[in-house]
């Protein structure tokens, strides 16, 4: 088991327990789907936390052409 899976299971399990104790099945249902999602994402290593697959792409290389400012040509109207 990895840390990401453990944290997701704790969060989903606590939502299930709180929803069951309060008699509100909406958080319990969301917690159940969160537990299922965490198990699937741990098996296939998808989602945030695995393989840097969320957020910005840090491996993307930018050329100097994309970072330079483009000159804007305009005509002044009197």
PDB file of N, CA and C in Angstrom:
ATOM      1  N   UNK A   1       0.842  -1.187   0.000  1.00  0.00           N
ATOM      2  CA  UNK A   1       0.000   0.000   0.000  1.00  0.00           C
ATOM      3  C   UNK A   1       0.881   1.242   0.000  1.00  0.00           C
ATOM      4  N   UNK A   2       0.427   2.241  -0.673  1.00  0.00           N
ATOM      5  CA  UNK A   2       1.181   3.483  -0.705  1.00  0.00           C
ATOM      6  C   UNK A   2       0.442   4.565   0.086  1.00  0.00           C
ATOM      7  N   UNK A   3       1.129   5.678   0.307  1.00  0.00           N
ATOM      8  CA  UNK A   3       0.581   6.742   1.149  1.00  0.00           C
ATOM      9  C   UNK A   3      -0.641   7.401   0.536  1.00  0.00           C
ATOM     10  N   UNK A   4      -0.646   7.533  -0.773  1.00  0.00           N
ATOM     11  CA  UNK A   4      -1.785   8.169  -1.426  1.00  0.00           C
ATOM     12  C   UNK A   4      -3.036   7.323  -1.244  1.00  0.00           C
ATOM     13  N   UNK A   5      -2.905   6.018  -1.432  1.00  0.00           N
ATOM     14  CA  UNK A   5      -4.042   5.119  -1.247  1.00  0.00           C
ATOM     15  C   UNK A   5      -4.529   5.138   0.197  1.00  0.00           C
ATOM     16  N   UNK A   6      -3.610   5.134   1.133  1.00  0.00           N
ATOM     17  CA  UNK A   6      -3.985   5.135   2.549  1.00  0.00           C
ATOM     18  C   UNK A   6      -4.758   6.407   2.898  1.00  0.00           C
ATOM     19  N   UNK A   7      -4.279   7.574   2.451  1.00  0.00           N
ATOM     20  CA  UNK A   7      -4.965   8.830   2.754  1.00  0.00           C
ATOM     21  C   UNK A   7      -6.349   8.873   2.112  1.00  0.00           C
ATOM     22  N   UNK A   8      -6.461   8.392   0.884  1.00  0.00           N
ATOM     23  CA  UNK A   8      -7.765   8.377   0.211  1.00  0.00           C
ATOM     24  C   UNK A   8      -8.725   7.415   0.893  1.00  0.00           C
ATOM     25  N   UNK A   9      -8.241   6.265   1.330  1.00  0.00           N
ATOM     26  CA  UNK A   9      -9.109   5.312   2.016  1.00  0.00           C
ATOM     27  C   UNK A   9      -9.569   5.842   3.372  1.00  0.00           C
ATOM     28  N   UNK A  10      -8.680   6.523   4.085  1.00  0.00           N
ATOM     29  CA  UNK A  10      -9.062   7.125   5.374  1.00  0.00           C
ATOM     30  C   UNK A  10     -10.125   8.195   5.154  1.00  0.00           C
ATOM     31  N   UNK A  11      -9.939   9.047   4.145  1.00  0.00           N
ATOM     32  CA  UNK A  11     -10.905  10.104   3.890  1.00  0.00           C
ATOM     33  C   UNK A  11     -12.251   9.532   3.438  1.00  0.00           C
ATOM     34  N   UNK A  12     -12.227   8.586   2.525  1.00  0.00           N
ATOM     35  CA  UNK A  12     -13.470   7.981   2.070  1.00  0.00           C
ATOM     36  C   UNK A  12     -14.162   7.195   3.171  1.00  0.00           C
ATOM     37  N   UNK A  13     -13.387   6.456   3.972  1.00  0.00           N
ATOM     38  CA  UNK A  13     -13.962   5.694   5.077  1.00  0.00           C
ATOM     39  C   UNK A  13     -14.576   6.586   6.134  1.00  0.00           C
ATOM     40  N   UNK A  14     -13.938   7.701   6.430  1.00  0.00           N
ATOM     41  CA  UNK A  14     -14.506   8.626   7.418  1.00  0.00           C
ATOM     42  C   UNK A  14     -15.792   9.255   6.904  1.00  0.00           C
ATOM     43  N   UNK A  15     -15.876   9.516   5.599  1.00  0.00           N
ATOM     44  CA  UNK A  15     -17.119  10.040   5.036  1.00  0.00           C
ATOM     45  C   UNK A  15     -18.240   9.011   5.141  1.00  0.00           C
ATOM     46  N   UNK A  16     -17.919   7.748   4.918  1.00  0.00           N
ATOM     47  CA  UNK A  16     -18.922   6.686   5.041  1.00  0.00           C
ATOM     48  C   UNK A  16     -19.410   6.574   6.481  1.00  0.00           C
ATOM     49  N   UNK A  17     -18.487   6.587   7.435  1.00  0.00           N
ATOM     50  CA  UNK A  17     -18.850   6.449   8.848  1.00  0.00           C
ATOM     51  C   UNK A  17     -19.691   7.630   9.325  1.00  0.00           C
ATOM     52  N   UNK A  18     -19.269   8.848   8.993  1.00  0.00           N
ATOM     53  CA  UNK A  18     -20.010  10.035   9.416  1.00  0.00           C
ATOM     54  C   UNK A  18     -21.392  10.070   8.767  1.00  0.00           C
ATOM     55  N   UNK A  19     -21.463   9.724   7.493  1.00  0.00           N
ATOM     56  CA  UNK A  19     -22.749   9.692   6.819  1.00  0.00           C
ATOM     57  C   UNK A  19     -23.682   8.652   7.410  1.00  0.00           C
ATOM     58  N   UNK A  20     -23.140   7.504   7.779  1.00  0.00           N
ATOM     59  CA  UNK A  20     -23.963   6.454   8.385  1.00  0.00           C
ATOM     60  C   UNK A  20     -24.444   6.861   9.784  1.00  0.00           C
ATOM     61  N   UNK A  21     -23.548   7.446  10.581  1.00  0.00           N
ATOM     62  CA  UNK A  21     -23.916   7.861  11.929  1.00  0.00           C
ATOM     63  C   UNK A  21     -24.947   8.978  11.923  1.00  0.00           C
ATOM     64  N   UNK A  22     -24.843   9.880  10.962  1.00  0.00           N
ATOM     65  CA  UNK A  22     -25.772  11.002  10.903  1.00  0.00           C
ATOM     66  C   UNK A  22     -27.078  10.628  10.201  1.00  0.00           C
ATOM     67  N   UNK A  23     -27.111   9.481   9.578  1.00  0.00           N
ATOM     68  CA  UNK A  23     -28.301   9.068   8.850  1.00  0.00           C
ATOM     69  C   UNK A  23     -28.457   9.768   7.514  1.00  0.00           C
ATOM     70  N   UNK A  24     -27.398  10.427   7.067  1.00  0.00           N
ATOM     71  CA  UNK A  24     -27.413  11.124   5.782  1.00  0.00           C
ATOM     72  C   UNK A  24     -26.621  10.282   4.795  1.00  0.00           C
ATOM     73  N   UNK A  25     -27.290   9.786   3.785  1.00  0.00           N
ATOM     74  CA  UNK A  25     -26.641   8.846   2.881  1.00  0.00           C
ATOM     75  C   UNK A  25     -25.906   9.529   1.741  1.00  0.00           C
ATOM     76  N   UNK A  26     -26.034  10.835   1.608  1.00  0.00           N
ATOM     77  CA  UNK A  26     -25.300  11.537   0.561  1.00  0.00           C
ATOM     78  C   UNK A  26     -23.791  11.501   0.807  1.00  0.00           C
ATOM     79  N   UNK A  27     -23.285  11.901   1.995  1.00  0.00           N
ATOM     80  CA  UNK A  27     -21.836  11.791   2.196  1.00  0.00           C
ATOM     81  C   UNK A  27     -21.357  10.347   2.219  1.00  0.00           C
ATOM     82  N   UNK A  28     -22.208   9.434   2.674  1.00  0.00           N
ATOM     83  CA  UNK A  28     -21.817   8.024   2.671  1.00  0.00           C
ATOM     84  C   UNK A  28     -21.660   7.509   1.242  1.00  0.00           C
ATOM     85  N   UNK A  29     -22.548   7.927   0.355  1.00  0.00           N
ATOM     86  CA  UNK A  29     -22.451   7.517  -1.045  1.00  0.00           C
ATOM     87  C   UNK A  29     -21.218   8.129  -1.707  1.00  0.00           C
ATOM     88  N   UNK A  30     -20.969   9.402  -1.436  1.00  0.00           N
ATOM     89  CA  UNK A  30     -19.774  10.058  -1.987  1.00  0.00           C
ATOM     90  C   UNK A  30     -18.515   9.382  -1.443  1.00  0.00           C
ATOM     91  N   UNK A  31     -18.504   9.039  -0.161  1.00  0.00           N
ATOM     92  CA  UNK A  31     -17.363   8.335   0.419  1.00  0.00           C
ATOM     93  C   UNK A  31     -17.160   6.969  -0.200  1.00  0.00           C
ATOM     94  N   UNK A  32     -18.256   6.275  -0.517  1.00  0.00           N
ATOM     95  CA  UNK A  32     -18.147   4.968  -1.154  1.00  0.00           C
ATOM     96  C   UNK A  32     -17.528   5.093  -2.550  1.00  0.00           C
ATOM     97  N   UNK A  33     -17.983   6.079  -3.319  1.00  0.00           N
ATOM     98  CA  UNK A  33     -17.395   6.293  -4.637  1.00  0.00           C
ATOM     99  C   UNK A  33     -15.937   6.736  -4.524  1.00  0.00           C
ATOM    100  N   UNK A  34     -15.615   7.489  -3.493  1.00  0.00           N
ATOM    101  CA  UNK A  34     -14.235   7.922  -3.288  1.00  0.00           C
ATOM    102  C   UNK A  34     -13.329   6.727  -2.969  1.00  0.00           C
ATOM    103  N   UNK A  35     -13.823   5.788  -2.187  1.00  0.00           N
ATOM    104  CA  UNK A  35     -13.054   4.572  -1.884  1.00  0.00           C
ATOM    105  C   UNK A  35     -12.859   3.739  -3.150  1.00  0.00           C
ATOM    106  N   UNK A  36     -13.917   3.608  -3.946  1.00  0.00           N
ATOM    107  CA  UNK A  36     -13.806   2.846  -5.201  1.00  0.00           C
ATOM    108  C   UNK A  36     -12.822   3.518  -6.142  1.00  0.00           C
ATOM    109  N   UNK A  37     -12.912   4.832  -6.258  1.00  0.00           N
ATOM    110  CA  UNK A  37     -11.981   5.576  -7.106  1.00  0.00           C
ATOM    111  C   UNK A  37     -10.543   5.419  -6.634  1.00  0.00           C
ATOM    112  N   UNK A  38     -10.338   5.441  -5.325  1.00  0.00           N
ATOM    113  CA  UNK A  38      -8.979   5.320  -4.806  1.00  0.00           C
ATOM    114  C   UNK A  38      -8.400   3.939  -5.081  1.00  0.00           C
ATOM    115  N   UNK A  39      -9.219   2.908  -4.998  1.00  0.00           N
ATOM    116  CA  UNK A  39      -8.730   1.561  -5.297  1.00  0.00           C
ATOM    117  C   UNK A  39      -8.401   1.402  -6.785  1.00  0.00           C
ATOM    118  N   UNK A  40      -9.251   1.938  -7.645  1.00  0.00           N
ATOM    119  CA  UNK A  40      -8.995   1.852  -9.086  1.00  0.00           C
ATOM    120  C   UNK A  40      -7.762   2.669  -9.458  1.00  0.00           C
ATOM    121  N   UNK A  41      -7.648   3.876  -8.899  1.00  0.00           N
ATOM    122  CA  UNK A  41      -6.500   4.710  -9.236  1.00  0.00           C
ATOM    123  C   UNK A  41      -5.199   4.127  -8.694  1.00  0.00           C
ATOM    124  N   UNK A  42      -5.243   3.423  -7.583  1.00  0.00           N
ATOM    125  CA  UNK A  42      -4.029   2.795  -7.064  1.00  0.00           C
ATOM    126  C   UNK A  42      -3.621   1.605  -7.932  1.00  0.00           C
ATOM    127  N   UNK A  43      -4.596   0.891  -8.465  1.00  0.00           N
ATOM    128  CA  UNK A  43      -4.273  -0.269  -9.300  1.00  0.00           C
ATOM    129  C   UNK A  43      -3.655   0.159 -10.624  1.00  0.00           C
ATOM    130  N   UNK A  44      -4.253   1.179 -11.260  1.00  0.00           N
ATOM    131  CA  UNK A  44      -3.785   1.605 -12.576  1.00  0.00           C
ATOM    132  C   UNK A  44      -2.847   2.804 -12.524  1.00  0.00           C
ATOM    133  N   UNK A  45      -2.563   3.323 -11.327  1.00  0.00           N
ATOM    134  CA  UNK A  45      -1.661   4.466 -11.123  1.00  0.00           C
ATOM    135  C   UNK A  45      -2.095   5.664 -11.954  1.00  0.00           C
ATOM    136  N   UNK A  46      -3.366   6.075 -11.781  1.00  0.00           N
ATOM    137  CA  UNK A  46      -3.902   7.234 -12.470  1.00  0.00           C
ATOM    138  C   UNK A  46      -4.363   8.247 -11.433  1.00  0.00           C
ATOM    139  N   UNK A  47      -4.536   9.479 -11.840  1.00  0.00           N
ATOM    140  CA  UNK A  47      -5.030  10.518 -10.951  1.00  0.00           C
ATOM    141  C   UNK A  47      -3.908  11.284 -10.284  1.00  0.00           C
ATOM    142  N   UNK A  48      -4.288  12.257  -9.482  1.00  0.00           N
ATOM    143  CA  UNK A  48      -3.307  13.092  -8.805  1.00  0.00           C
ATOM    144  C   UNK A  48      -2.494  12.268  -7.808  1.00  0.00           C
ATOM    145  N   UNK A  49      -1.202  12.453  -7.818  1.00  0.00           N
ATOM    146  CA  UNK A  49      -0.327  11.751  -6.905  1.00  0.00           C
ATOM    147  C   UNK A  49       0.424  10.605  -7.540  1.00  0.00           C
ATOM    148  N   UNK A  50      -0.047  10.136  -8.663  1.00  0.00           N
ATOM    149  CA  UNK A  50       0.623   9.036  -9.343  1.00  0.00           C
ATOM    150  C   UNK A  50       1.221   9.533 -10.643  1.00  0.00           C
ATOM    151  N   UNK A  51       2.504   9.353 -10.772  1.00  0.00           N
ATOM    152  CA  UNK A  51       3.177   9.605 -12.041  1.00  0.00           C
ATOM    153  C   UNK A  51       3.068  11.062 -12.489  1.00  0.00           C
ATOM    154  N   UNK A  52       2.875  11.970 -11.576  1.00  0.00           N
ATOM    155  CA  UNK A  52       2.743  13.405 -11.884  1.00  0.00           C
ATOM    156  C   UNK A  52       1.698  13.640 -12.963  1.00  0.00           C
ATOM    157  N   UNK A  53       0.542  13.024 -12.818  1.00  0.00           N
ATOM    158  CA  UNK A  53      -0.456  13.093 -13.876  1.00  0.00           C
ATOM    159  C   UNK A  53      -1.511  14.155 -13.636  1.00  0.00           C
ATOM    160  N   UNK A  54      -1.307  15.048 -12.695  1.00  0.00           N
ATOM    161  CA  UNK A  54      -2.241  16.164 -12.549  1.00  0.00           C
ATOM    162  C   UNK A  54      -1.432  17.438 -12.372  1.00  0.00           C
ATOM    163  N   UNK A  55      -2.068  18.552 -12.567  1.00  0.00           N
ATOM    164  CA  UNK A  55      -1.366  19.821 -12.474  1.00  0.00           C
ATOM    165  C   UNK A  55      -0.683  20.162 -13.776  1.00  0.00           C
ATOM    166  N   UNK A  56       0.329  21.007 -13.695  1.00  0.00           N
ATOM    167  CA  UNK A  56       1.035  21.430 -14.903  1.00  0.00           C
ATOM    168  C   UNK A  56       2.107  20.423 -15.265  1.00  0.00           C
ATOM    169  N   UNK A  57       2.433  20.375 -16.522  1.00  0.00           N
ATOM    170  CA  UNK A  57       3.445  19.457 -17.021  1.00  0.00           C
ATOM    171  C   UNK A  57       4.818  20.090 -16.818  1.00  0.00           C
ATOM    172  N   UNK A  58       5.599  19.550 -15.900  1.00  0.00           N
ATOM    173  CA  UNK A  58       6.909  20.122 -15.606  1.00  0.00           C
ATOM    174  C   UNK A  58       7.970  19.653 -16.583  1.00  0.00           C
ATOM    175  N   UNK A  59       7.685  18.638 -17.380  1.00  0.00           N
ATOM    176  CA  UNK A  59       8.668  18.111 -18.321  1.00  0.00           C
ATOM    177  C   UNK A  59       8.592  18.778 -19.689  1.00  0.00           C
ATOM    178  N   UNK A  60       7.649  19.674 -19.871  1.00  0.00           N
ATOM    179  CA  UNK A  60       7.477  20.317 -21.158  1.00  0.00           C
ATOM    180  C   UNK A  60       8.590  21.330 -21.382  1.00  0.00           C
ATOM    181  N   UNK A  61       9.183  21.269 -22.546  1.00  0.00           N
ATOM    182  CA  UNK A  61      10.275  22.190 -22.889  1.00  0.00           C
ATOM    183  C   UNK A  61       9.727  23.334 -23.732  1.00  0.00           C
ATOM    184  N   UNK A  62      10.139  24.531 -23.389  1.00  0.00           N
ATOM    185  CA  UNK A  62       9.721  25.697 -24.138  1.00  0.00           C
ATOM    186  C   UNK A  62      10.915  26.222 -24.921  1.00  0.00           C
ATOM    187  N   UNK A  63      10.672  26.561 -26.157  1.00  0.00           N
ATOM    188  CA  UNK A  63      11.739  27.164 -26.940  1.00  0.00           C
ATOM    189  C   UNK A  63      11.768  28.656 -26.652  1.00  0.00           C
ATOM    190  N   UNK A  64      12.846  29.290 -27.024  1.00  0.00           N
ATOM    191  CA  UNK A  64      12.961  30.723 -26.778  1.00  0.00           C
ATOM    192  C   UNK A  64      11.946  31.495 -27.607  1.00  0.00           C
ATOM    193  N   UNK A  65      11.491  30.889 -28.711  1.00  0.00           N
ATOM    194  CA  UNK A  65      10.522  31.562 -29.563  1.00  0.00           C
ATOM    195  C   UNK A  65       9.163  31.683 -28.865  1.00  0.00           C
ATOM    196  N   UNK A  66       8.766  30.673 -28.111  1.00  0.00           N
ATOM    197  CA  UNK A  66       7.465  30.734 -27.443  1.00  0.00           C
ATOM    198  C   UNK A  66       7.495  31.640 -26.225  1.00  0.00           C
ATOM    199  N   UNK A  67       8.660  31.852 -25.632  1.00  0.00           N
ATOM    200  CA  UNK A  67       8.742  32.690 -24.455  1.00  0.00           C
ATOM    201  C   UNK A  67       8.972  34.161 -24.774  1.00  0.00           C
ATOM    202  N   UNK A  68       9.422  34.463 -26.007  1.00  0.00           N
ATOM    203  CA  UNK A  68       9.693  35.849 -26.340  1.00  0.00           C
ATOM    204  C   UNK A  68       8.386  36.595 -26.613  1.00  0.00           C
ATOM    205  N   UNK A  69       8.424  37.873 -26.336  1.00  0.00           N
ATOM    206  CA  UNK A  69       7.240  38.691 -26.576  1.00  0.00           C
ATOM    207  C   UNK A  69       7.137  39.008 -28.060  1.00  0.00           C
ATOM    208  N   UNK A  70       5.937  38.943 -28.563  1.00  0.00           N
ATOM    209  CA  UNK A  70       5.730  39.251 -29.979  1.00  0.00           C
ATOM    210  C   UNK A  70       5.507  40.751 -30.131  1.00  0.00           C
ATOM    211  N   UNK A  71       6.094  41.286 -31.177  1.00  0.00           N
ATOM    212  CA  UNK A  71       5.911  42.696 -31.480  1.00  0.00           C
ATOM    213  C   UNK A  71       4.566  42.878 -32.166  1.00  0.00           C
ATOM    214  N   UNK A  72       3.807  43.851 -31.701  1.00  0.00           N
ATOM    215  CA  UNK A  72       2.499  44.127 -32.264  1.00  0.00           C
ATOM    216  C   UNK A  72       2.630  45.308 -33.205  1.00  0.00           C
ATOM    217  N   UNK A  73       2.209  45.111 -34.438  1.00  0.00           N
ATOM    218  CA  UNK A  73       2.236  46.194 -35.407  1.00  0.00           C
ATOM    219  C   UNK A  73       0.873  46.866 -35.428  1.00  0.00           C
ATOM    220  N   UNK A  74       0.883  48.181 -35.428  1.00  0.00           N
ATOM    221  CA  UNK A  74      -0.367  48.920 -35.454  1.00  0.00           C
ATOM    222  C   UNK A  74      -0.190  50.189 -36.262  1.00  0.00           C
ATOM    223  N   UNK A  75      -1.305  50.678 -36.721  1.00  0.00           N
ATOM    224  CA  UNK A  75      -1.315  51.922 -37.480  1.00  0.00           C
ATOM    225  C   UNK A  75      -2.127  52.938 -36.703  1.00  0.00           C
ATOM    226  N   UNK A  76      -1.545  54.112 -36.546  1.00  0.00           N
ATOM    227  CA  UNK A  76      -2.209  55.150 -35.780  1.00  0.00           C
ATOM    228  C   UNK A  76      -3.179  55.904 -36.695  1.00  0.00           C
ATOM    229  N   UNK A  77      -4.406  56.035 -36.251  1.00  0.00           N
ATOM    230  CA  UNK A  77      -5.426  56.710 -37.032  1.00  0.00           C
ATOM    231  C   UNK A  77      -5.651  58.107 -36.452  1.00  0.00           C
ATOM    232  N   UNK A  78      -5.581  59.127 -37.318  1.00  0.00           N
ATOM    233  CA  UNK A  78      -5.771  60.509 -36.871  1.00  0.00           C
ATOM    234  C   UNK A  78      -7.184  60.956 -37.080  1.00  0.00           C
TER     235      UNK A  78
END
